[in-house]
N, C-alpha and C. Protein backbone atom coordinates (compact mmCIF):
# COMPACT_ATOMS: atom_id res chain seq x y z
N ASP A 1 146.30 88.19 146.29
CA ASP A 1 147.69 87.27 146.30
C ASP A 1 147.42 86.39 147.38
N ASN A 2 147.48 85.11 147.51
CA ASN A 2 147.50 84.13 148.31
C ASN A 2 148.83 84.28 148.92
N ASN A 3 150.05 84.62 148.70
CA ASN A 3 151.30 84.77 149.43
C ASN A 3 151.35 85.61 150.56
N ILE A 4 150.47 86.69 150.32
CA ILE A 4 150.76 87.95 151.16
C ILE A 4 150.15 87.80 152.76
N LEU A 5 150.40 87.74 153.75
CA LEU A 5 150.28 87.65 155.04
C LEU A 5 149.68 88.75 155.82
N VAL A 6 148.51 88.54 156.14
CA VAL A 6 147.60 89.41 157.11
C VAL A 6 147.81 89.35 158.45
N MET A 7 148.66 90.35 159.05
CA MET A 7 148.75 90.17 160.05
C MET A 7 147.90 91.32 161.29
N SER A 8 147.48 89.91 162.24
CA SER A 8 146.65 90.68 163.38
C SER A 8 147.02 90.82 164.51
N VAL A 9 148.73 90.75 164.47
CA VAL A 9 149.25 91.40 166.00
C VAL A 9 149.95 92.71 165.71
N GLU A 10 149.90 93.73 166.31
CA GLU A 10 150.77 94.64 166.70
C GLU A 10 150.69 94.98 168.03
N ILE A 11 152.40 94.99 168.53
CA ILE A 11 152.73 94.75 170.01
C ILE A 11 153.54 96.07 170.22
N ASN A 12 153.31 97.09 170.98
CA ASN A 12 154.44 97.86 171.39
C ASN A 12 155.37 97.49 171.65
N GLY A 13 156.64 97.74 171.44
CA GLY A 13 158.02 97.47 171.53
C GLY A 13 158.24 95.97 171.17
N VAL A 14 157.52 95.48 170.24
CA VAL A 14 157.70 93.90 169.52
C VAL A 14 158.25 94.00 168.41
N LYS A 15 159.52 93.35 168.51
CA LYS A 15 160.19 93.29 166.62
C LYS A 15 158.75 92.52 165.93
N SER A 16 158.85 93.06 164.57
CA SER A 16 158.02 92.57 164.08
C SER A 16 158.11 91.04 163.30
N SER A 17 159.52 90.73 163.29
CA SER A 17 159.94 89.15 163.39
C SER A 17 159.29 88.14 164.59
N ASP A 18 159.25 88.82 165.92
CA ASP A 18 158.69 88.34 166.50
C ASP A 18 157.16 88.41 166.92
N GLU A 19 156.15 89.63 166.12
CA GLU A 19 155.23 89.32 165.80
C GLU A 19 154.62 88.37 164.76
N ARG A 20 155.64 88.42 163.93
CA ARG A 20 155.36 86.98 162.62
C ARG A 20 154.89 85.79 163.64
N ARG A 21 155.99 85.16 164.49
CA ARG A 21 156.31 84.34 165.12
C ARG A 21 154.61 83.90 166.08
N ILE A 22 154.57 85.22 166.60
CA ILE A 22 153.22 85.13 168.00
C ILE A 22 151.58 84.76 166.78
N GLN A 23 152.24 85.57 165.87
CA GLN A 23 150.92 85.02 164.62
C GLN A 23 150.77 83.68 164.20
N SER A 24 151.74 82.97 163.77
CA SER A 24 152.05 81.81 162.90
C SER A 24 151.22 81.08 164.58
N ILE A 25 151.67 81.06 165.84
CA ILE A 25 151.42 80.38 166.85
C ILE A 25 149.68 80.39 166.88
N MET A 26 149.26 81.67 166.80
CA MET A 26 147.85 81.83 167.22
C MET A 26 146.89 81.10 165.79
N ASP A 27 147.71 81.25 164.61
CA ASP A 27 146.85 80.56 163.67
C ASP A 27 147.04 79.25 163.49
N SER A 28 147.81 78.69 164.19
CA SER A 28 147.90 77.25 164.23
C SER A 28 146.84 76.61 165.44
N HIS A 29 146.48 76.92 166.27
CA HIS A 29 145.44 76.98 167.15
C HIS A 29 144.06 78.03 166.89
N GLY A 30 144.15 78.42 165.81
CA GLY A 30 142.67 78.69 165.42
C GLY A 30 142.66 80.15 166.24
N PHE A 31 143.76 81.09 166.78
CA PHE A 31 143.24 82.25 167.73
C PHE A 31 142.82 83.70 166.80
N SER A 32 142.02 84.64 167.14
CA SER A 32 142.34 85.31 166.31
C SER A 32 142.80 86.62 167.35
N GLU A 33 142.81 86.65 168.75
CA GLU A 33 143.30 87.99 169.16
C GLU A 33 143.93 87.01 170.22
N LEU A 34 144.95 88.42 170.66
CA LEU A 34 145.39 88.21 171.99
C LEU A 34 144.96 88.50 173.40
N LYS A 35 145.11 87.90 174.38
CA LYS A 35 144.37 88.52 175.71
C LYS A 35 145.18 89.51 176.12
N GLN A 36 144.79 89.48 177.12
CA GLN A 36 145.36 91.12 177.66
C GLN A 36 146.79 90.50 178.35
N THR A 37 146.77 89.63 179.12
CA THR A 37 147.98 88.98 179.27
C THR A 37 148.72 88.51 178.55
N GLN A 38 148.83 88.22 177.47
CA GLN A 38 149.74 87.90 176.66
C GLN A 38 150.31 89.52 176.02
N ILE A 39 149.78 90.25 175.46
CA ILE A 39 150.15 91.66 175.08
C ILE A 39 151.03 92.18 176.59
N GLN A 40 150.65 91.99 177.75
CA GLN A 40 151.52 92.63 178.50
C GLN A 40 152.84 91.95 178.77
N ALA A 41 152.77 90.85 178.46
CA ALA A 41 153.84 89.81 178.59
C ALA A 41 155.06 90.01 177.24
N PHE A 42 154.06 90.10 176.40
CA PHE A 42 155.06 90.55 175.27
C PHE A 42 155.75 91.84 174.68
N SER A 43 154.95 92.51 175.62
CA SER A 43 155.52 94.03 175.62
C SER A 43 156.35 94.08 176.69
N ASN A 44 156.43 93.42 177.64
CA ASN A 44 157.70 93.70 178.78
C ASN A 44 158.92 92.70 178.26
N GLY A 45 158.83 92.23 176.89
CA GLY A 45 160.18 91.66 176.82
C GLY A 45 160.25 90.25 177.19
N ILE A 46 159.41 89.31 176.93
CA ILE A 46 159.29 87.96 177.17
C ILE A 46 160.44 87.33 176.32
N LEU A 47 160.57 87.68 174.85
CA LEU A 47 161.09 87.28 173.99
C LEU A 47 162.80 87.50 173.93
N ASP A 48 162.62 88.64 174.77
CA ASP A 48 164.38 88.90 174.77
C ASP A 48 164.91 87.68 175.39
N ASP A 49 166.22 87.78 175.03
CA ASP A 49 167.24 86.71 175.86
C ASP A 49 167.18 86.80 177.18
N GLY A 50 167.46 86.13 178.13
CA GLY A 50 167.57 86.08 179.57
C GLY A 50 166.14 85.02 180.45
N ASN A 51 166.51 85.46 181.61
CA ASN A 51 165.21 85.03 182.64
C ASN A 51 164.24 85.37 182.65
N HIS A 52 162.81 84.82 182.38
CA HIS A 52 161.59 85.51 182.70
C HIS A 52 160.33 84.67 183.62
N LEU A 53 159.99 85.23 184.62
CA LEU A 53 158.75 84.93 185.16
C LEU A 53 157.45 85.33 184.74
N LEU A 54 156.51 84.49 184.45
CA LEU A 54 155.09 85.15 184.23
C LEU A 54 154.12 84.70 185.01
N VAL A 55 153.28 85.73 185.74
CA VAL A 55 152.69 84.89 186.81
C VAL A 55 151.14 85.60 186.11
N ALA A 56 149.86 85.06 185.89
CA ALA A 56 148.74 84.82 185.51
C ALA A 56 147.89 83.86 185.60
N GLU A 57 146.28 84.11 185.99
CA GLU A 57 145.62 83.67 186.23
C GLU A 57 145.44 82.47 185.29
N THR A 58 144.45 81.36 185.35
CA THR A 58 143.94 80.47 185.12
C THR A 58 143.51 80.90 183.48
N GLY A 59 143.68 80.23 182.51
CA GLY A 59 142.66 80.40 181.30
C GLY A 59 143.26 82.25 180.58
N ASN A 60 144.66 82.51 181.11
CA ASN A 60 144.76 83.70 180.51
C ASN A 60 145.99 83.84 179.30
N GLY A 61 146.44 82.12 179.05
CA GLY A 61 146.82 82.71 177.62
C GLY A 61 148.55 82.09 177.75
N LYS A 62 149.05 81.78 179.33
CA LYS A 62 150.60 81.43 179.45
C LYS A 62 150.98 80.69 178.61
N THR A 63 150.60 79.74 178.01
CA THR A 63 151.27 78.74 177.33
C THR A 63 151.03 78.99 176.02
N LEU A 64 150.21 79.74 175.05
CA LEU A 64 151.08 80.76 174.32
C LEU A 64 152.17 81.35 174.04
N CYS A 65 152.21 81.98 175.16
CA CYS A 65 153.64 83.02 175.44
C CYS A 65 155.15 81.97 175.74
N ALA A 66 154.74 80.61 176.08
CA ALA A 66 155.71 79.89 176.35
C ALA A 66 155.94 79.02 174.70
N GLU A 67 155.08 79.02 174.37
CA GLU A 67 155.08 78.36 172.89
C GLU A 67 156.15 79.52 171.81
N ALA A 68 155.93 80.90 172.18
CA ALA A 68 156.00 81.91 171.28
C ALA A 68 157.72 81.81 171.88
N VAL A 69 157.52 81.68 173.22
CA VAL A 69 159.03 82.00 173.86
C VAL A 69 160.06 80.55 173.04
N THR A 70 159.79 79.82 173.10
CA THR A 70 160.11 78.05 172.60
C THR A 70 160.31 78.11 170.93
N LYS A 71 159.07 79.06 170.02
CA LYS A 71 159.85 78.88 168.86
C LYS A 71 160.88 79.87 168.50
N LYS A 72 160.75 81.21 169.36
CA LYS A 72 162.27 82.36 169.17
C LYS A 72 163.63 81.78 169.29
N TYR A 73 163.56 80.74 169.94
CA TYR A 73 164.80 79.81 170.33
C TYR A 73 165.10 78.80 169.24
N LEU A 74 163.91 78.45 168.30
CA LEU A 74 164.08 77.49 167.85
C LEU A 74 164.15 77.83 166.37
N ASP A 75 163.71 78.99 166.11
CA ASP A 75 164.40 79.93 165.25
C ASP A 75 165.57 80.19 165.07
N GLN A 76 166.37 80.26 166.05
CA GLN A 76 167.63 80.51 166.20
C GLN A 76 168.83 79.36 166.48
N ASN A 77 167.91 78.23 165.86
CA ASN A 77 169.05 76.88 165.95
C ASN A 77 169.19 76.43 167.76
N SER A 78 168.18 76.90 168.35
CA SER A 78 168.80 76.75 170.10
C SER A 78 167.89 75.31 170.15
N ALA A 79 168.31 74.57 171.07
CA ALA A 79 167.60 73.67 171.32
C ALA A 79 166.58 73.78 173.01
N VAL A 80 165.86 73.50 173.03
CA VAL A 80 164.62 73.90 174.15
C VAL A 80 163.94 72.60 175.08
N ALA A 81 164.36 72.82 176.43
CA ALA A 81 163.76 71.83 177.05
C ALA A 81 162.00 72.35 177.89
N TYR A 82 161.03 71.80 177.39
CA TYR A 82 160.09 72.18 178.09
C TYR A 82 159.69 71.10 179.40
N LEU A 83 159.47 71.81 180.10
CA LEU A 83 159.36 70.67 181.31
C LEU A 83 158.02 71.32 182.02
N VAL A 84 157.16 69.80 182.47
CA VAL A 84 156.38 69.63 183.00
C VAL A 84 156.02 69.14 184.31
N PRO A 85 155.06 68.79 185.46
CA PRO A 85 155.42 68.16 186.28
C PRO A 85 155.31 66.91 186.32
N SER A 86 154.28 66.24 185.43
CA SER A 86 154.30 64.72 185.34
C SER A 86 154.49 64.24 184.08
N THR A 87 154.57 62.66 184.01
CA THR A 87 154.68 62.26 182.83
C THR A 87 153.37 62.08 182.05
N GLN A 88 152.28 62.30 183.01
CA GLN A 88 150.88 62.51 182.33
C GLN A 88 150.71 63.60 181.45
N LEU A 89 151.53 64.44 181.58
CA LEU A 89 151.36 66.26 180.52
C LEU A 89 152.38 65.92 179.74
N VAL A 90 153.36 64.83 179.81
CA VAL A 90 154.57 64.95 178.91
C VAL A 90 153.63 64.82 177.13
N ARG A 91 153.02 63.89 176.88
CA ARG A 91 152.98 63.60 175.38
C ARG A 91 151.92 64.75 175.34
N ASP A 92 150.47 64.90 176.15
CA ASP A 92 150.05 66.36 175.55
C ASP A 92 150.60 67.41 175.59
N LYS A 93 151.92 67.51 176.05
CA LYS A 93 152.63 68.86 175.72
C LYS A 93 152.97 68.78 174.32
N LYS A 94 153.35 67.76 173.99
CA LYS A 94 154.10 66.87 172.81
C LYS A 94 153.25 67.61 171.60
N GLU A 95 152.06 67.24 171.60
CA GLU A 95 151.32 66.78 170.85
C GLU A 95 150.59 68.66 170.67
N SER A 96 150.95 69.67 171.16
CA SER A 96 150.31 71.13 171.55
C SER A 96 151.27 71.65 170.54
N ILE A 97 152.70 71.24 170.94
CA ILE A 97 153.92 72.07 170.20
C ILE A 97 153.75 71.03 168.69
N GLU A 98 153.52 70.41 168.52
CA GLU A 98 153.42 69.72 167.21
C GLU A 98 152.41 70.31 166.14
N ASP A 99 151.71 70.90 166.72
CA ASP A 99 150.69 71.65 166.29
C ASP A 99 151.30 72.56 165.38
N TRP A 100 152.37 73.20 165.67
CA TRP A 100 152.93 74.89 165.10
C TRP A 100 154.30 74.43 164.82
N VAL A 101 154.96 73.39 165.09
CA VAL A 101 156.24 73.29 164.85
C VAL A 101 156.77 73.53 163.05
N SER A 102 157.87 73.93 163.09
CA SER A 102 158.40 73.94 161.47
C SER A 102 158.26 72.14 160.64
N GLU A 103 158.50 71.68 160.06
CA GLU A 103 158.61 70.50 159.06
C GLU A 103 160.60 70.29 159.26
N GLY A 104 160.37 69.39 160.08
CA GLY A 104 161.49 69.02 160.28
C GLY A 104 162.26 69.13 161.83
N VAL A 105 161.83 69.93 162.49
CA VAL A 105 161.89 69.98 164.02
C VAL A 105 161.14 68.59 164.42
N ASP A 106 162.29 67.99 165.31
CA ASP A 106 162.12 66.97 166.11
C ASP A 106 161.69 67.61 167.81
N VAL A 107 160.41 67.40 168.02
CA VAL A 107 160.04 67.22 169.34
C VAL A 107 159.93 65.83 170.01
N ALA A 108 160.45 65.51 170.89
CA ALA A 108 161.27 64.47 171.02
C ALA A 108 160.45 64.07 172.89
N THR A 109 160.06 62.83 173.16
CA THR A 109 159.89 62.15 174.68
C THR A 109 160.42 60.83 174.43
N GLY A 110 160.63 60.21 175.68
CA GLY A 110 160.76 59.13 175.88
C GLY A 110 162.67 58.50 175.76
N SER A 111 163.06 57.81 175.57
CA SER A 111 164.08 56.97 175.41
C SER A 111 165.04 57.75 174.65
N GLY A 112 165.75 58.01 174.98
CA GLY A 112 167.11 58.83 174.07
C GLY A 112 166.65 60.45 173.80
N LYS A 113 165.87 61.18 174.53
CA LYS A 113 165.48 62.26 174.26
C LYS A 113 166.43 63.27 174.21
N TYR A 114 166.83 63.16 175.16
CA TYR A 114 168.34 64.44 175.31
C TYR A 114 169.25 64.13 174.33
N HIS A 115 169.27 62.99 173.55
CA HIS A 115 170.51 63.12 172.52
C HIS A 115 169.71 63.70 170.91
N HIS A 116 168.43 63.96 170.81
CA HIS A 116 168.29 64.38 169.24
C HIS A 116 167.33 65.19 169.48
N GLY A 117 166.57 65.66 170.26
CA GLY A 117 165.50 66.25 170.17
C GLY A 117 165.74 67.37 169.93
N ASP A 118 165.50 68.52 169.12
CA ASP A 118 165.12 69.80 168.98
C ASP A 118 164.72 70.36 169.91
N VAL A 119 163.32 69.92 170.45
CA VAL A 119 162.81 70.37 171.34
C VAL A 119 162.29 68.84 172.44
N VAL A 120 162.75 69.16 173.79
CA VAL A 120 162.65 67.63 174.69
C VAL A 120 161.24 68.29 175.58
N VAL A 121 160.55 67.33 175.52
CA VAL A 121 159.28 67.42 176.23
C VAL A 121 159.83 66.15 177.72
N ALA A 122 159.57 66.76 178.81
CA ALA A 122 160.39 66.45 179.61
C ALA A 122 159.45 66.17 180.72
N THR A 123 159.74 65.59 182.57
CA THR A 123 159.52 66.01 183.59
C THR A 123 160.53 66.79 184.92
N PHE A 124 160.12 67.73 185.41
CA PHE A 124 161.20 68.11 186.00
C PHE A 124 162.37 67.79 186.71
N ASN A 125 162.19 66.23 186.94
CA ASN A 125 163.13 65.60 187.67
C ASN A 125 163.85 64.76 186.74
N SER A 126 163.10 64.55 185.01
CA SER A 126 164.00 63.71 184.56
C SER A 126 165.11 64.97 184.14
N PHE A 127 164.73 65.53 183.91
CA PHE A 127 165.76 66.65 183.09
C PHE A 127 167.18 66.81 184.36
N TYR A 128 166.65 66.95 185.46
CA TYR A 128 167.76 66.87 186.32
C TYR A 128 168.40 65.87 186.57
N GLN A 129 168.05 64.67 186.26
CA GLN A 129 168.84 63.47 186.58
C GLN A 129 169.44 63.42 185.43
N ALA A 130 168.92 63.97 184.26
CA ALA A 130 169.58 63.64 183.08
C ALA A 130 171.09 64.37 182.82
N ILE A 131 170.89 65.78 183.80
CA ILE A 131 172.44 66.68 183.73
C ILE A 131 173.27 66.31 184.62
N LEU A 132 172.62 65.47 185.53
CA LEU A 132 173.20 64.82 186.69
C LEU A 132 174.24 63.54 185.78
N ARG A 133 173.96 62.82 184.88
CA ARG A 133 174.40 61.50 184.12
C ARG A 133 174.95 62.69 182.79
N GLY A 134 174.99 63.37 182.19
CA GLY A 134 175.40 64.12 181.55
C GLY A 134 174.97 63.65 179.93
N ALA A 135 173.76 63.41 180.11
CA ALA A 135 172.88 62.34 179.37
C ALA A 135 172.98 63.24 178.14
N GLY A 136 173.41 62.57 176.46
CA GLY A 136 172.94 63.33 175.33
C GLY A 136 173.75 65.34 175.73
N ASN A 137 172.86 65.67 175.11
CA ASN A 137 173.46 66.95 174.77
C ASN A 137 172.70 68.05 175.46
N VAL A 138 172.27 67.56 176.82
CA VAL A 138 171.22 67.80 177.64
C VAL A 138 171.87 69.54 178.32
N ARG A 139 173.29 69.18 178.62
CA ARG A 139 174.01 70.66 179.20
C ARG A 139 174.17 71.47 178.08
N SER A 140 173.96 71.53 176.85
CA SER A 140 173.97 72.12 176.04
C SER A 140 172.61 72.56 175.82
N PHE A 141 171.72 72.94 176.43
CA PHE A 141 170.23 73.03 175.99
C PHE A 141 170.25 74.97 176.28
N ASP A 142 169.47 75.59 175.38
CA ASP A 142 169.89 76.93 175.34
C ASP A 142 168.41 77.73 176.33
N VAL A 143 167.13 76.79 176.51
CA VAL A 143 166.38 77.41 177.54
C VAL A 143 165.71 76.31 178.15
N ALA A 144 164.85 76.62 179.21
CA ALA A 144 164.31 75.46 180.04
C ALA A 144 162.83 76.10 180.04
N ILE A 145 161.94 75.89 179.84
CA ILE A 145 160.66 76.07 179.89
C ILE A 145 160.00 75.37 180.85
N LEU A 146 159.20 76.17 182.01
CA LEU A 146 159.21 75.60 183.32
C LEU A 146 157.65 75.77 183.42
N ASP A 147 156.96 74.77 183.02
CA ASP A 147 155.26 74.86 183.35
C ASP A 147 154.76 74.13 184.63
N ASP A 148 153.29 75.26 184.68
CA ASP A 148 153.08 75.16 186.30
C ASP A 148 154.27 75.22 187.32
N PHE A 149 154.61 76.17 187.16
CA PHE A 149 156.03 76.95 188.00
C PHE A 149 155.72 76.41 189.80
N HIS A 150 154.27 76.56 190.03
CA HIS A 150 153.59 76.46 191.15
C HIS A 150 153.71 75.26 191.70
N GLU A 151 154.76 74.28 191.43
CA GLU A 151 154.67 73.05 191.56
C GLU A 151 155.96 73.39 192.87
N LEU A 152 156.62 74.23 192.75
CA LEU A 152 157.85 74.90 193.51
C LEU A 152 157.58 74.38 194.88
N TYR A 153 156.71 74.72 195.30
CA TYR A 153 155.74 74.83 196.71
C TYR A 153 155.66 73.57 197.04
N GLY A 154 155.55 72.45 196.52
CA GLY A 154 154.79 71.11 196.60
C GLY A 154 156.24 70.06 197.43
N SER A 155 155.88 69.15 197.97
CA SER A 155 156.63 68.56 198.74
C SER A 155 157.34 67.63 198.06
N PHE A 156 156.20 67.36 196.58
CA PHE A 156 156.41 66.00 195.89
C PHE A 156 157.20 66.26 195.10
N ILE A 157 156.84 67.56 194.14
CA ILE A 157 157.42 68.10 192.36
C ILE A 157 158.47 68.49 192.89
N GLY A 158 158.35 69.75 193.73
CA GLY A 158 159.02 70.72 194.37
C GLY A 158 160.44 70.60 194.45
N PRO A 159 161.51 69.76 194.91
CA PRO A 159 162.48 69.40 194.94
C PRO A 159 162.63 69.11 193.26
N GLY A 160 162.26 68.51 192.81
CA GLY A 160 162.85 68.11 191.48
C GLY A 160 162.57 69.23 190.78
N LEU A 161 162.01 70.29 190.97
CA LEU A 161 161.93 71.46 190.14
C LEU A 161 162.58 72.42 190.81
N GLU A 162 163.39 72.27 191.52
CA GLU A 162 163.94 73.39 192.49
C GLU A 162 165.39 72.94 191.90
N LYS A 163 166.05 71.86 191.99
CA LYS A 163 167.41 70.97 191.29
C LYS A 163 167.43 71.28 190.05
N SER A 164 166.06 71.12 189.10
CA SER A 164 166.08 71.62 187.70
C SER A 164 166.77 72.92 187.73
N ILE A 165 166.11 73.87 188.06
CA ILE A 165 166.66 75.26 188.24
C ILE A 165 167.87 75.68 188.35
N ALA A 166 168.58 75.02 189.45
CA ALA A 166 169.64 75.29 190.04
C ALA A 166 170.65 74.42 189.21
N ALA A 167 170.43 73.59 188.04
CA ALA A 167 171.28 72.70 187.19
C ALA A 167 171.28 73.65 186.02
N SER A 168 170.30 74.25 185.74
CA SER A 168 170.03 74.97 184.32
C SER A 168 171.34 76.65 184.54
N LYS A 169 171.14 76.68 185.87
CA LYS A 169 171.76 78.06 186.25
C LYS A 169 173.18 77.57 186.25
N GLN A 170 173.55 76.32 186.22
CA GLN A 170 174.74 75.76 186.58
C GLN A 170 175.42 76.08 184.85
N TYR A 171 174.84 75.67 183.99
CA TYR A 171 175.06 75.53 183.00
C TYR A 171 174.66 76.57 181.79
N ASP A 172 174.35 77.55 182.66
CA ASP A 172 173.77 78.96 181.49
C ASP A 172 172.48 78.81 180.41
N ILE A 173 171.44 77.97 181.19
CA ILE A 173 170.32 77.76 180.66
C ILE A 173 169.16 78.66 180.87
N ASP A 174 169.36 79.56 180.05
CA ASP A 174 167.91 80.24 180.13
C ASP A 174 166.53 79.50 181.28
N LEU A 175 165.90 80.61 181.57
CA LEU A 175 164.54 80.23 181.97
C LEU A 175 163.25 80.95 181.49
N PHE A 176 162.21 80.40 181.76
CA PHE A 176 160.97 80.67 181.02
C PHE A 176 160.03 80.03 182.03
N ALA A 177 159.74 80.72 183.24
CA ALA A 177 158.86 80.21 184.20
C ALA A 177 157.37 80.38 184.14
N MET A 178 156.51 79.89 184.47
CA MET A 178 155.16 80.60 184.42
C MET A 178 154.15 79.76 185.36
N SER A 179 153.08 80.26 186.07
CA SER A 179 152.38 79.91 186.98
C SER A 179 151.06 80.94 187.23
N ALA A 180 150.02 80.40 187.53
CA ALA A 180 148.88 81.43 187.82
C ALA A 180 148.95 81.31 189.52
N THR A 181 149.67 80.91 190.04
CA THR A 181 149.85 81.20 191.54
C THR A 181 151.04 81.05 191.87
N ILE A 182 151.30 82.40 192.63
CA ILE A 182 152.40 82.56 193.40
C ILE A 182 152.83 83.99 194.13
N GLY A 183 152.88 83.21 195.75
CA GLY A 183 152.53 84.05 196.82
C GLY A 183 153.45 85.39 196.85
N ASN A 184 154.47 85.11 196.43
CA ASN A 184 155.87 86.27 196.44
C ASN A 184 156.80 85.97 195.45
N PRO A 185 155.97 86.88 194.17
CA PRO A 185 156.21 86.71 192.80
C PRO A 185 157.90 87.36 192.77
N GLU A 186 157.68 89.00 193.80
CA GLU A 186 159.15 89.40 193.67
C GLU A 186 160.44 88.57 193.97
N ASP A 187 160.26 88.06 194.92
CA ASP A 187 161.03 87.50 195.56
C ASP A 187 161.85 86.10 194.65
N ILE A 188 160.73 85.74 194.23
CA ILE A 188 160.85 84.08 193.09
C ILE A 188 161.55 84.80 191.88
N ALA A 189 161.02 86.13 191.84
CA ALA A 189 162.02 86.53 190.44
C ALA A 189 163.40 86.71 190.45
N GLU A 190 163.63 87.50 191.91
CA GLU A 190 164.87 87.61 192.26
C GLU A 190 165.83 86.80 192.24
N TRP A 191 165.59 85.48 193.14
CA TRP A 191 165.85 84.38 193.01
C TRP A 191 166.24 83.58 191.63
N LEU A 192 165.56 83.65 190.90
CA LEU A 192 165.78 83.11 189.19
C LEU A 192 166.94 84.54 188.71
N ASP A 193 166.95 85.36 189.17
CA ASP A 193 167.35 86.32 188.29
C ASP A 193 166.62 86.45 186.81
N ALA A 194 165.05 86.73 187.45
CA ALA A 194 164.48 87.01 185.82
C ALA A 194 163.70 88.35 186.13
N ASP A 195 163.40 88.71 184.90
CA ASP A 195 162.27 89.45 184.99
C ASP A 195 160.96 89.39 184.93
N LEU A 196 160.00 89.61 185.62
CA LEU A 196 159.01 89.61 186.00
C LEU A 196 158.08 90.36 185.54
N THR A 197 156.86 89.58 185.11
CA THR A 197 155.70 89.84 184.43
C THR A 197 154.15 89.35 185.73
N VAL A 198 153.45 90.21 186.19
CA VAL A 198 152.81 89.58 187.34
C VAL A 198 151.12 90.39 186.57
N SER A 199 150.47 89.15 185.59
CA SER A 199 149.50 90.01 185.10
C SER A 199 148.08 89.91 185.99
N ASP A 200 147.42 91.67 185.72
CA ASP A 200 146.07 92.07 186.47
C ASP A 200 144.74 91.00 186.07
N GLU A 201 144.73 90.87 184.84
CA GLU A 201 143.57 89.91 184.13
C GLU A 201 143.00 89.05 185.11
N LYS A 202 141.51 88.97 185.33
CA LYS A 202 141.14 88.09 186.18
C LYS A 202 141.14 86.60 185.44
N SER A 203 140.48 85.81 185.76
CA SER A 203 140.75 84.36 185.09
C SER A 203 139.54 84.33 184.29
N SER A 204 139.49 83.91 183.22
CA SER A 204 138.30 83.84 181.97
C SER A 204 137.95 82.46 182.21
N ILE A 205 138.39 81.45 183.37
CA ILE A 205 137.55 80.46 183.22
C ILE A 205 137.23 80.12 184.92
N PRO A 206 135.77 80.17 184.89
CA PRO A 206 135.49 80.08 186.51
C PRO A 206 136.03 78.96 186.79
N ILE A 207 136.70 79.27 188.26
CA ILE A 207 136.99 77.89 188.88
C ILE A 207 136.09 77.64 190.40
N GLU A 208 135.12 76.28 190.13
CA GLU A 208 134.80 76.11 191.83
C GLU A 208 135.18 74.86 192.49
N GLU A 209 135.32 74.65 193.66
CA GLU A 209 135.98 74.39 194.48
C GLU A 209 134.71 73.30 195.44
N SER A 210 134.93 71.94 195.40
CA SER A 210 134.02 71.68 195.95
C SER A 210 134.25 69.74 196.83
N VAL A 211 134.05 69.43 197.87
CA VAL A 211 134.81 68.31 198.62
C VAL A 211 134.04 66.86 198.00
N VAL A 212 135.13 66.09 197.60
CA VAL A 212 134.58 65.12 197.19
C VAL A 212 135.25 63.81 198.02
N SER A 213 134.49 62.79 197.95
CA SER A 213 134.84 61.79 198.93
C SER A 213 135.57 60.47 198.64
N PRO A 214 136.83 60.83 199.01
CA PRO A 214 138.09 59.63 198.59
C PRO A 214 137.27 58.31 198.12
N ASP A 215 137.68 57.75 196.96
CA ASP A 215 137.76 56.49 196.81
C ASP A 215 139.26 55.39 197.34
N TYR A 216 138.51 54.69 198.26
CA TYR A 216 139.85 54.17 199.17
C TYR A 216 139.88 52.63 198.23
N SER A 217 139.23 52.57 197.37
CA SER A 217 139.43 51.55 196.56
C SER A 217 140.72 51.58 195.21
N SER A 218 140.81 53.24 195.01
CA SER A 218 141.83 53.53 194.31
C SER A 218 143.00 53.86 194.57
N LYS A 219 144.00 53.41 193.77
CA LYS A 219 145.18 54.56 194.52
C LYS A 219 145.70 55.62 194.36
N LYS A 220 144.52 56.05 193.51
CA LYS A 220 144.60 57.71 193.40
C LYS A 220 143.54 58.21 194.14
N GLN A 221 143.51 59.21 195.20
CA GLN A 221 142.34 59.88 195.91
C GLN A 221 142.76 61.20 196.02
N SER A 222 141.26 61.61 195.81
CA SER A 222 141.24 63.44 195.04
C SER A 222 140.39 63.65 196.73
N LEU A 223 140.30 64.80 197.10
CA LEU A 223 139.77 65.33 198.10
C LEU A 223 139.18 66.73 197.81
N VAL A 224 140.18 67.33 196.35
CA VAL A 224 139.12 68.78 196.06
C VAL A 224 139.53 68.32 194.90
N SER A 225 138.15 68.84 194.23
CA SER A 225 138.34 68.98 192.72
C SER A 225 138.35 70.50 192.62
N PHE A 226 138.70 70.40 191.39
CA PHE A 226 138.62 71.97 190.46
C PHE A 226 137.83 72.26 189.51
């Protein structure tokens, strides 16, 4: 029977409806099994209401976790802000989300995004500025996904991210933050009033560091490549 869904996901403590959400995203990306980090995060209740902080090394599946959280809110007819550090990442994230959202779900970026999007992909600073202006329905969003949360420590992007967090708290917007590198996760989780999941799984992607000579003819200069 082609209408029978064969589930490969079974996680202790996770509702069957959430398992189906996870499975649908896995299928859209062509994944046959979950990583250890993902099983741990779902078992720890990241799909429950409230704030959550997930810390896991690069390549261990944080993005799928964030997409599952996004889908959970969308299935509840809730609005989602998916926030990234830079405008360069906005388009890539939009396309990734469009791979698995249901037909009719509006994944928005660009002008007027806060007026009509079910999922709005934007930068931290854009989100904060929109809340300040009261643009569209931005103050009525139900959750903000904070990608690359380690940018909190950066002098350039960090202030915008911190303001986004403060604004979200002001308007009772739930937070799901994820990062590969946080030196004091317990303190950060307490500040966010968030449940914390720290994965012990080692990075599945080898990271190499090398010195690169800067190109002074370009506006963009790289000192270290990963």
